[in-house]
Amino acid sequence: MLSLTLAWFVFIYLTIFLAGILVLWIGYEMLRKYLSSTSSSQHFLCRICGASLTKPETNTILSCPSCGSLNEYNDQGGL
Protein backbone atom coordinates (compact mmCIF):
# COMPACT_ATOMS: atom_id res chain seq x y z
CA MET A 1 0.00 0.00 0.00
CA LEU A 2 1.14 3.55 -0.68
CA SER A 3 2.13 5.60 2.29
CA LEU A 4 1.45 9.30 1.90
CA THR A 5 2.31 11.91 4.43
CA LEU A 6 -0.26 14.51 5.30
CA ALA A 7 1.70 17.20 3.45
CA TRP A 8 1.72 15.21 0.18
CA PHE A 9 -1.96 14.36 0.55
CA VAL A 10 -2.86 18.06 0.95
CA PHE A 11 -0.62 19.00 -1.97
CA ILE A 12 -2.19 16.43 -4.31
CA TYR A 13 -5.72 17.37 -3.19
CA LEU A 14 -5.13 21.09 -3.76
CA THR A 15 -3.48 20.49 -7.12
CA ILE A 16 -6.42 18.43 -8.41
CA PHE A 17 -8.95 20.90 -6.98
CA LEU A 18 -7.26 23.96 -8.52
CA ALA A 19 -6.79 22.19 -11.87
CA GLY A 20 -10.53 21.46 -11.92
CA ILE A 21 -11.36 25.09 -11.21
CA LEU A 22 -8.97 26.20 -13.97
CA VAL A 23 -10.58 23.83 -16.50
CA LEU A 24 -14.08 25.09 -15.59
CA TRP A 25 -12.92 28.73 -15.80
CA ILE A 26 -11.40 28.25 -19.26
CA GLY A 27 -14.49 26.40 -20.46
CA TYR A 28 -16.88 29.11 -19.27
CA GLU A 29 -14.73 31.86 -20.81
CA MET A 30 -14.68 30.07 -24.17
CA LEU A 31 -18.46 29.61 -24.00
CA ARG A 32 -18.99 33.27 -23.02
CA LYS A 33 -16.84 34.51 -25.91
CA TYR A 34 -18.62 32.25 -28.39
CA LEU A 35 -22.08 33.33 -27.25
CA SER A 36 -21.18 37.03 -27.15
CA SER A 37 -19.63 36.98 -30.61
CA THR A 38 -22.66 35.32 -32.18
CA SER A 39 -25.22 37.57 -30.51
CA SER A 40 -23.31 40.86 -30.71
CA SER A 41 -22.68 40.55 -34.42
CA GLN A 42 -26.39 41.09 -35.13
CA HIS A 43 -27.47 43.42 -32.30
CA PHE A 44 -26.27 46.65 -30.74
CA LEU A 45 -27.66 49.04 -28.14
CA CYS A 46 -29.10 52.53 -28.52
CA ARG A 47 -26.75 55.06 -26.92
CA ILE A 48 -29.61 57.12 -25.45
CA CYS A 49 -32.18 54.65 -24.07
CA GLY A 50 -30.31 51.31 -24.23
CA ALA A 51 -32.87 49.53 -26.43
CA SER A 52 -31.63 46.59 -28.50
CA LEU A 53 -31.38 47.33 -32.23
CA THR A 54 -30.61 45.00 -35.11
CA LYS A 55 -27.67 45.61 -37.40
CA PRO A 56 -28.55 47.69 -40.48
CA GLU A 57 -27.99 45.99 -43.81
CA THR A 58 -27.20 48.90 -46.12
CA ASN A 59 -26.65 52.14 -44.21
CA THR A 60 -24.86 52.74 -40.94
CA ILE A 61 -27.41 55.16 -39.40
CA LEU A 62 -30.52 53.69 -37.78
CA SER A 63 -33.40 55.37 -35.95
CA CYS A 64 -34.25 53.87 -32.55
CA PRO A 65 -37.88 52.69 -32.37
CA SER A 66 -38.11 53.51 -28.63
CA CYS A 67 -36.72 57.04 -28.35
CA GLY A 68 -36.32 58.08 -32.00
CA SER A 69 -32.66 59.04 -31.72
CA LEU A 70 -30.29 58.36 -34.58
CA ASN A 71 -27.63 55.73 -33.91
CA GLU A 72 -24.58 54.93 -35.98
CA TYR A 73 -23.53 51.31 -36.29
CA ASN A 74 -19.78 50.93 -35.88
CA ASP A 75 -18.44 47.60 -37.13
CA GLN A 76 -14.81 48.44 -36.39
CA GLY A 77 -15.04 47.41 -32.74
CA GLY A 78 -14.23 49.42 -29.68
CA LEU A 79 -16.63 51.53 -27.67
PDB file of N, CA and C in Angstrom:
ATOM      1  N   MET A   1       0.826  -1.177   0.000  1.00  0.00           N
ATOM      2  CA  MET A   1       0.000   0.000   0.000  1.00  0.00           C
ATOM      3  C   MET A   1       0.877   1.250   0.000  1.00  0.00           C
ATOM      4  N   LEU A   2       0.387   2.300  -0.615  1.00  0.00           N
ATOM      5  CA  LEU A   2       1.140   3.548  -0.678  1.00  0.00           C
ATOM      6  C   LEU A   2       1.039   4.280   0.650  1.00  0.00           C
ATOM      7  N   SER A   3       2.143   4.803   1.058  1.00  0.00           N
ATOM      8  CA  SER A   3       2.132   5.596   2.287  1.00  0.00           C
ATOM      9  C   SER A   3       2.360   7.058   1.921  1.00  0.00           C
ATOM     10  N   LEU A   4       1.366   7.878   2.180  1.00  0.00           N
ATOM     11  CA  LEU A   4       1.446   9.303   1.903  1.00  0.00           C
ATOM     12  C   LEU A   4       1.472  10.065   3.222  1.00  0.00           C
ATOM     13  N   THR A   5       2.339  11.037   3.267  1.00  0.00           N
ATOM     14  CA  THR A   5       2.314  11.909   4.433  1.00  0.00           C
ATOM     15  C   THR A   5       1.170  12.907   4.262  1.00  0.00           C
ATOM     16  N   LEU A   6       0.832  13.552   5.333  1.00  0.00           N
ATOM     17  CA  LEU A   6      -0.261  14.514   5.305  1.00  0.00           C
ATOM     18  C   LEU A   6       0.070  15.677   4.365  1.00  0.00           C
ATOM     19  N   ALA A   7       1.297  16.095   4.307  1.00  0.00           N
ATOM     20  CA  ALA A   7       1.704  17.202   3.445  1.00  0.00           C
ATOM     21  C   ALA A   7       1.508  16.842   1.975  1.00  0.00           C
ATOM     22  N   TRP A   8       1.905  15.631   1.565  1.00  0.00           N
ATOM     23  CA  TRP A   8       1.721  15.210   0.180  1.00  0.00           C
ATOM     24  C   TRP A   8       0.245  15.048  -0.164  1.00  0.00           C
ATOM     25  N   PHE A   9      -0.533  14.523   0.782  1.00  0.00           N
ATOM     26  CA  PHE A   9      -1.959  14.361   0.546  1.00  0.00           C
ATOM     27  C   PHE A   9      -2.629  15.714   0.308  1.00  0.00           C
ATOM     28  N   VAL A  10      -2.298  16.709   1.117  1.00  0.00           N
ATOM     29  CA  VAL A  10      -2.860  18.055   0.953  1.00  0.00           C
ATOM     30  C   VAL A  10      -2.396  18.662  -0.361  1.00  0.00           C
ATOM     31  N   PHE A  11      -1.138  18.473  -0.720  1.00  0.00           N
ATOM     32  CA  PHE A  11      -0.615  19.000  -1.972  1.00  0.00           C
ATOM     33  C   PHE A  11      -1.331  18.397  -3.177  1.00  0.00           C
ATOM     34  N   ILE A  12      -1.512  17.091  -3.198  1.00  0.00           N
ATOM     35  CA  ILE A  12      -2.193  16.426  -4.311  1.00  0.00           C
ATOM     36  C   ILE A  12      -3.654  16.855  -4.368  1.00  0.00           C
ATOM     37  N   TYR A  13      -4.320  16.945  -3.229  1.00  0.00           N
ATOM     38  CA  TYR A  13      -5.716  17.365  -3.189  1.00  0.00           C
ATOM     39  C   TYR A  13      -5.878  18.789  -3.724  1.00  0.00           C
ATOM     40  N   LEU A  14      -5.047  19.711  -3.284  1.00  0.00           N
ATOM     41  CA  LEU A  14      -5.134  21.092  -3.758  1.00  0.00           C
ATOM     42  C   LEU A  14      -4.805  21.219  -5.239  1.00  0.00           C
ATOM     43  N   THR A  15      -3.848  20.450  -5.715  1.00  0.00           N
ATOM     44  CA  THR A  15      -3.484  20.489  -7.124  1.00  0.00           C
ATOM     45  C   THR A  15      -4.643  20.031  -8.000  1.00  0.00           C
ATOM     46  N   ILE A  16      -5.287  18.931  -7.627  1.00  0.00           N
ATOM     47  CA  ILE A  16      -6.420  18.433  -8.407  1.00  0.00           C
ATOM     48  C   ILE A  16      -7.594  19.407  -8.326  1.00  0.00           C
ATOM     49  N   PHE A  17      -7.858  19.959  -7.159  1.00  0.00           N
ATOM     50  CA  PHE A  17      -8.953  20.902  -6.980  1.00  0.00           C
ATOM     51  C   PHE A  17      -8.736  22.171  -7.810  1.00  0.00           C
ATOM     52  N   LEU A  18      -7.546  22.742  -7.765  1.00  0.00           N
ATOM     53  CA  LEU A  18      -7.259  23.960  -8.518  1.00  0.00           C
ATOM     54  C   LEU A  18      -7.217  23.704 -10.030  1.00  0.00           C
ATOM     55  N   ALA A  19      -6.767  22.527 -10.439  1.00  0.00           N
ATOM     56  CA  ALA A  19      -6.790  22.191 -11.867  1.00  0.00           C
ATOM     57  C   ALA A  19      -8.226  22.085 -12.361  1.00  0.00           C
ATOM     58  N   GLY A  20      -9.123  21.533 -11.549  1.00  0.00           N
ATOM     59  CA  GLY A  20     -10.534  21.460 -11.921  1.00  0.00           C
ATOM     60  C   GLY A  20     -11.155  22.835 -12.053  1.00  0.00           C
ATOM     61  N   ILE A  21     -10.848  23.718 -11.133  1.00  0.00           N
ATOM     62  CA  ILE A  21     -11.362  25.088 -11.210  1.00  0.00           C
ATOM     63  C   ILE A  21     -10.819  25.783 -12.460  1.00  0.00           C
ATOM     64  N   LEU A  22      -9.567  25.592 -12.778  1.00  0.00           N
ATOM     65  CA  LEU A  22      -8.968  26.200 -13.969  1.00  0.00           C
ATOM     66  C   LEU A  22      -9.641  25.692 -15.241  1.00  0.00           C
ATOM     67  N   VAL A  23      -9.919  24.390 -15.316  1.00  0.00           N
ATOM     68  CA  VAL A  23     -10.579  23.831 -16.500  1.00  0.00           C
ATOM     69  C   VAL A  23     -11.986  24.402 -16.634  1.00  0.00           C
ATOM     70  N   LEU A  24     -12.738  24.499 -15.540  1.00  0.00           N
ATOM     71  CA  LEU A  24     -14.078  25.089 -15.594  1.00  0.00           C
ATOM     72  C   LEU A  24     -14.025  26.552 -16.002  1.00  0.00           C
ATOM     73  N   TRP A  25     -13.073  27.307 -15.481  1.00  0.00           N
ATOM     74  CA  TRP A  25     -12.925  28.726 -15.804  1.00  0.00           C
ATOM     75  C   TRP A  25     -12.660  28.914 -17.298  1.00  0.00           C
ATOM     76  N   ILE A  26     -11.729  28.147 -17.843  1.00  0.00           N
ATOM     77  CA  ILE A  26     -11.395  28.252 -19.257  1.00  0.00           C
ATOM     78  C   ILE A  26     -12.600  27.861 -20.113  1.00  0.00           C
ATOM     79  N   GLY A  27     -13.313  26.820 -19.706  1.00  0.00           N
ATOM     80  CA  GLY A  27     -14.494  26.400 -20.458  1.00  0.00           C
ATOM     81  C   GLY A  27     -15.576  27.454 -20.473  1.00  0.00           C
ATOM     82  N   TYR A  28     -15.864  28.061 -19.323  1.00  0.00           N
ATOM     83  CA  TYR A  28     -16.882  29.106 -19.268  1.00  0.00           C
ATOM     84  C   TYR A  28     -16.467  30.350 -20.046  1.00  0.00           C
ATOM     85  N   GLU A  29     -15.200  30.706 -20.042  1.00  0.00           N
ATOM     86  CA  GLU A  29     -14.727  31.856 -20.813  1.00  0.00           C
ATOM     87  C   GLU A  29     -14.857  31.604 -22.313  1.00  0.00           C
ATOM     88  N   MET A  30     -14.536  30.398 -22.755  1.00  0.00           N
ATOM     89  CA  MET A  30     -14.682  30.073 -24.168  1.00  0.00           C
ATOM     90  C   MET A  30     -16.150  30.100 -24.568  1.00  0.00           C
ATOM     91  N   LEU A  31     -17.031  29.587 -23.725  1.00  0.00           N
ATOM     92  CA  LEU A  31     -18.463  29.609 -24.002  1.00  0.00           C
ATOM     93  C   LEU A  31     -18.998  31.040 -24.020  1.00  0.00           C
ATOM     94  N   ARG A  32     -18.546  31.872 -23.082  1.00  0.00           N
ATOM     95  CA  ARG A  32     -18.994  33.266 -23.022  1.00  0.00           C
ATOM     96  C   ARG A  32     -18.558  34.030 -24.265  1.00  0.00           C
ATOM     97  N   LYS A  33     -17.318  33.834 -24.704  1.00  0.00           N
ATOM     98  CA  LYS A  33     -16.839  34.512 -25.907  1.00  0.00           C
ATOM     99  C   LYS A  33     -17.595  34.046 -27.145  1.00  0.00           C
ATOM    100  N   TYR A  34     -17.887  32.760 -27.233  1.00  0.00           N
ATOM    101  CA  TYR A  34     -18.624  32.245 -28.385  1.00  0.00           C
ATOM    102  C   TYR A  34     -20.035  32.822 -28.423  1.00  0.00           C
ATOM    103  N   LEU A  35     -20.715  32.825 -27.288  1.00  0.00           N
ATOM    104  CA  LEU A  35     -22.078  33.334 -27.250  1.00  0.00           C
ATOM    105  C   LEU A  35     -22.132  34.838 -27.472  1.00  0.00           C
ATOM    106  N   SER A  36     -21.164  35.575 -26.960  1.00  0.00           N
ATOM    107  CA  SER A  36     -21.182  37.025 -27.152  1.00  0.00           C
ATOM    108  C   SER A  36     -20.826  37.400 -28.584  1.00  0.00           C
ATOM    109  N   SER A  37     -19.989  36.641 -29.235  1.00  0.00           N
ATOM    110  CA  SER A  37     -19.628  36.979 -30.611  1.00  0.00           C
ATOM    111  C   SER A  37     -20.770  36.674 -31.565  1.00  0.00           C
ATOM    112  N   THR A  38     -21.555  35.635 -31.289  1.00  0.00           N
ATOM    113  CA  THR A  38     -22.664  35.320 -32.185  1.00  0.00           C
ATOM    114  C   THR A  38     -23.827  36.277 -31.979  1.00  0.00           C
ATOM    115  N   SER A  39     -24.080  36.695 -30.742  1.00  0.00           N
ATOM    116  CA  SER A  39     -25.219  37.573 -30.506  1.00  0.00           C
ATOM    117  C   SER A  39     -24.877  39.036 -30.785  1.00  0.00           C
ATOM    118  N   SER A  40     -23.648  39.454 -30.522  1.00  0.00           N
ATOM    119  CA  SER A  40     -23.308  40.862 -30.709  1.00  0.00           C
ATOM    120  C   SER A  40     -23.062  41.213 -32.164  1.00  0.00           C
ATOM    121  N   SER A  41     -22.898  40.229 -33.023  1.00  0.00           N
ATOM    122  CA  SER A  41     -22.676  40.553 -34.423  1.00  0.00           C
ATOM    123  C   SER A  41     -23.962  41.008 -35.099  1.00  0.00           C
ATOM    124  N   GLN A  42     -25.122  40.715 -34.534  1.00  0.00           N
ATOM    125  CA  GLN A  42     -26.388  41.093 -35.129  1.00  0.00           C
ATOM    126  C   GLN A  42     -27.108  42.201 -34.370  1.00  0.00           C
ATOM    127  N   HIS A  43     -26.754  42.449 -33.127  1.00  0.00           N
ATOM    128  CA  HIS A  43     -27.466  43.419 -32.301  1.00  0.00           C
ATOM    129  C   HIS A  43     -26.494  44.438 -31.712  1.00  0.00           C
ATOM    130  N   PHE A  44     -27.005  45.649 -31.498  1.00  0.00           N
ATOM    131  CA  PHE A  44     -26.266  46.647 -30.743  1.00  0.00           C
ATOM    132  C   PHE A  44     -27.263  47.482 -29.975  1.00  0.00           C
ATOM    133  N   LEU A  45     -26.790  48.291 -29.033  1.00  0.00           N
ATOM    134  CA  LEU A  45     -27.660  49.035 -28.138  1.00  0.00           C
ATOM    135  C   LEU A  45     -27.736  50.499 -28.540  1.00  0.00           C
ATOM    136  N   CYS A  46     -28.922  51.099 -28.312  1.00  0.00           N
ATOM    137  CA  CYS A  46     -29.104  52.532 -28.521  1.00  0.00           C
ATOM    138  C   CYS A  46     -28.281  53.266 -27.471  1.00  0.00           C
ATOM    139  N   ARG A  47     -27.610  54.327 -27.858  1.00  0.00           N
ATOM    140  CA  ARG A  47     -26.750  55.056 -26.924  1.00  0.00           C
ATOM    141  C   ARG A  47     -27.533  55.961 -25.990  1.00  0.00           C
ATOM    142  N   ILE A  48     -28.797  56.247 -26.297  1.00  0.00           N
ATOM    143  CA  ILE A  48     -29.609  57.121 -25.454  1.00  0.00           C
ATOM    144  C   ILE A  48     -30.430  56.314 -24.455  1.00  0.00           C
ATOM    145  N   CYS A  49     -31.248  55.368 -24.956  1.00  0.00           N
ATOM    146  CA  CYS A  49     -32.176  54.651 -24.075  1.00  0.00           C
ATOM    147  C   CYS A  49     -31.734  53.225 -23.763  1.00  0.00           C
ATOM    148  N   GLY A  50     -30.801  52.660 -24.502  1.00  0.00           N
ATOM    149  CA  GLY A  50     -30.309  51.313 -24.230  1.00  0.00           C
ATOM    150  C   GLY A  50     -31.150  50.210 -24.856  1.00  0.00           C
ATOM    151  N   ALA A  51     -32.057  50.543 -25.766  1.00  0.00           N
ATOM    152  CA  ALA A  51     -32.872  49.529 -26.429  1.00  0.00           C
ATOM    153  C   ALA A  51     -32.009  48.724 -27.399  1.00  0.00           C
ATOM    154  N   SER A  52     -32.373  47.465 -27.593  1.00  0.00           N
ATOM    155  CA  SER A  52     -31.630  46.593 -28.497  1.00  0.00           C
ATOM    156  C   SER A  52     -32.071  46.837 -29.935  1.00  0.00           C
ATOM    157  N   LEU A  53     -31.118  47.078 -30.822  1.00  0.00           N
ATOM    158  CA  LEU A  53     -31.384  47.330 -32.233  1.00  0.00           C
ATOM    159  C   LEU A  53     -30.688  46.269 -33.069  1.00  0.00           C
ATOM    160  N   THR A  54     -31.250  45.951 -34.212  1.00  0.00           N
ATOM    161  CA  THR A  54     -30.607  44.998 -35.108  1.00  0.00           C
ATOM    162  C   THR A  54     -29.689  45.728 -36.075  1.00  0.00           C
ATOM    163  N   LYS A  55     -28.686  45.028 -36.525  1.00  0.00           N
ATOM    164  CA  LYS A  55     -27.669  45.610 -37.401  1.00  0.00           C
ATOM    165  C   LYS A  55     -28.290  46.027 -38.733  1.00  0.00           C
ATOM    166  N   PRO A  56     -28.020  47.264 -39.177  1.00  0.00           N
ATOM    167  CA  PRO A  56     -28.548  47.690 -40.485  1.00  0.00           C
ATOM    168  C   PRO A  56     -27.839  46.961 -41.619  1.00  0.00           C
ATOM    169  N   GLU A  57     -28.561  46.750 -42.696  1.00  0.00           N
ATOM    170  CA  GLU A  57     -27.991  45.994 -43.813  1.00  0.00           C
ATOM    171  C   GLU A  57     -27.268  46.895 -44.805  1.00  0.00           C
ATOM    172  N   THR A  58     -27.820  48.062 -45.078  1.00  0.00           N
ATOM    173  CA  THR A  58     -27.204  48.899 -46.116  1.00  0.00           C
ATOM    174  C   THR A  58     -26.537  50.137 -45.537  1.00  0.00           C
ATOM    175  N   ASN A  59     -27.241  50.899 -44.726  1.00  0.00           N
ATOM    176  CA  ASN A  59     -26.654  52.135 -44.206  1.00  0.00           C
ATOM    177  C   ASN A  59     -26.181  51.930 -42.770  1.00  0.00           C
ATOM    178  N   THR A  60     -25.407  52.870 -42.284  1.00  0.00           N
ATOM    179  CA  THR A  60     -24.863  52.739 -40.942  1.00  0.00           C
ATOM    180  C   THR A  60     -25.625  53.559 -39.922  1.00  0.00           C
ATOM    181  N   ILE A  61     -26.624  54.348 -40.333  1.00  0.00           N
ATOM    182  CA  ILE A  61     -27.412  55.158 -39.401  1.00  0.00           C
ATOM    183  C   ILE A  61     -28.805  54.557 -39.289  1.00  0.00           C
ATOM    184  N   LEU A  62     -29.247  54.329 -38.049  1.00  0.00           N
ATOM    185  CA  LEU A  62     -30.523  53.688 -37.784  1.00  0.00           C
ATOM    186  C   LEU A  62     -31.270  54.482 -36.735  1.00  0.00           C
ATOM    187  N   SER A  63     -32.565  54.658 -36.915  1.00  0.00           N
ATOM    188  CA  SER A  63     -33.397  55.366 -35.953  1.00  0.00           C
ATOM    189  C   SER A  63     -33.911  54.375 -34.918  1.00  0.00           C
ATOM    190  N   CYS A  64     -33.795  54.727 -33.641  1.00  0.00           N
ATOM    191  CA  CYS A  64     -34.246  53.870 -32.547  1.00  0.00           C
ATOM    192  C   CYS A  64     -35.774  53.884 -32.490  1.00  0.00           C
ATOM    193  N   PRO A  65     -36.427  52.709 -32.435  1.00  0.00           N
ATOM    194  CA  PRO A  65     -37.885  52.695 -32.371  1.00  0.00           C
ATOM    195  C   PRO A  65     -38.425  53.154 -31.015  1.00  0.00           C
ATOM    196  N   SER A  66     -37.630  53.117 -29.961  1.00  0.00           N
ATOM    197  CA  SER A  66     -38.106  53.508 -28.630  1.00  0.00           C
ATOM    198  C   SER A  66     -38.051  55.013 -28.419  1.00  0.00           C
ATOM    199  N   CYS A  67     -36.876  55.618 -28.654  1.00  0.00           N
ATOM    200  CA  CYS A  67     -36.718  57.042 -28.354  1.00  0.00           C
ATOM    201  C   CYS A  67     -36.611  57.914 -29.594  1.00  0.00           C
ATOM    202  N   GLY A  68     -36.400  57.322 -30.765  1.00  0.00           N
ATOM    203  CA  GLY A  68     -36.324  58.077 -32.001  1.00  0.00           C
ATOM    204  C   GLY A  68     -34.971  58.694 -32.299  1.00  0.00           C
ATOM    205  N   SER A  69     -33.983  58.453 -31.464  1.00  0.00           N
ATOM    206  CA  SER A  69     -32.660  59.040 -31.716  1.00  0.00           C
ATOM    207  C   SER A  69     -31.959  58.282 -32.841  1.00  0.00           C
ATOM    208  N   LEU A  70     -31.051  58.982 -33.509  1.00  0.00           N
ATOM    209  CA  LEU A  70     -30.293  58.364 -34.582  1.00  0.00           C
ATOM    210  C   LEU A  70     -29.043  57.713 -33.997  1.00  0.00           C
ATOM    211  N   ASN A  71     -28.778  56.485 -34.380  1.00  0.00           N
ATOM    212  CA  ASN A  71     -27.630  55.725 -33.906  1.00  0.00           C
ATOM    213  C   ASN A  71     -26.797  55.280 -35.089  1.00  0.00           C
ATOM    214  N   GLU A  72     -25.490  55.369 -34.924  1.00  0.00           N
ATOM    215  CA  GLU A  72     -24.583  54.932 -35.982  1.00  0.00           C
ATOM    216  C   GLU A  72     -24.021  53.586 -35.603  1.00  0.00           C
ATOM    217  N   TYR A  73     -24.102  52.639 -36.517  1.00  0.00           N
ATOM    218  CA  TYR A  73     -23.529  51.311 -36.292  1.00  0.00           C
ATOM    219  C   TYR A  73     -22.053  51.339 -36.637  1.00  0.00           C
ATOM    220  N   ASN A  74     -21.224  50.939 -35.688  1.00  0.00           N
ATOM    221  CA  ASN A  74     -19.776  50.933 -35.884  1.00  0.00           C
ATOM    222  C   ASN A  74     -19.318  49.489 -35.897  1.00  0.00           C
ATOM    223  N   ASP A  75     -18.885  48.979 -37.049  1.00  0.00           N
ATOM    224  CA  ASP A  75     -18.443  47.600 -37.132  1.00  0.00           C
ATOM    225  C   ASP A  75     -16.932  47.446 -36.987  1.00  0.00           C
ATOM    226  N   GLN A  76     -16.253  48.505 -36.565  1.00  0.00           N
ATOM    227  CA  GLN A  76     -14.815  48.444 -36.391  1.00  0.00           C
ATOM    228  C   GLN A  76     -14.405  48.025 -34.996  1.00  0.00           C
ATOM    229  N   GLY A  77     -15.359  47.816 -34.101  1.00  0.00           N
ATOM    230  CA  GLY A  77     -15.042  47.415 -32.744  1.00  0.00           C
ATOM    231  C   GLY A  77     -14.787  48.604 -31.860  1.00  0.00           C
ATOM    232  N   GLY A  78     -14.464  48.345 -30.633  1.00  0.00           N
ATOM    233  CA  GLY A  78     -14.232  49.421 -29.679  1.00  0.00           C
ATOM    234  C   GLY A  78     -15.516  49.883 -29.043  1.00  0.00           C
ATOM    235  N   LEU A  79     -15.444  51.037 -28.372  1.00  0.00           N
ATOM    236  CA  LEU A  79     -16.631  51.533 -27.665  1.00  0.00           C
ATOM    237  C   LEU A  79     -17.477  52.424 -28.510  1.00  0.00           C
TER     238      LEU A  79
END
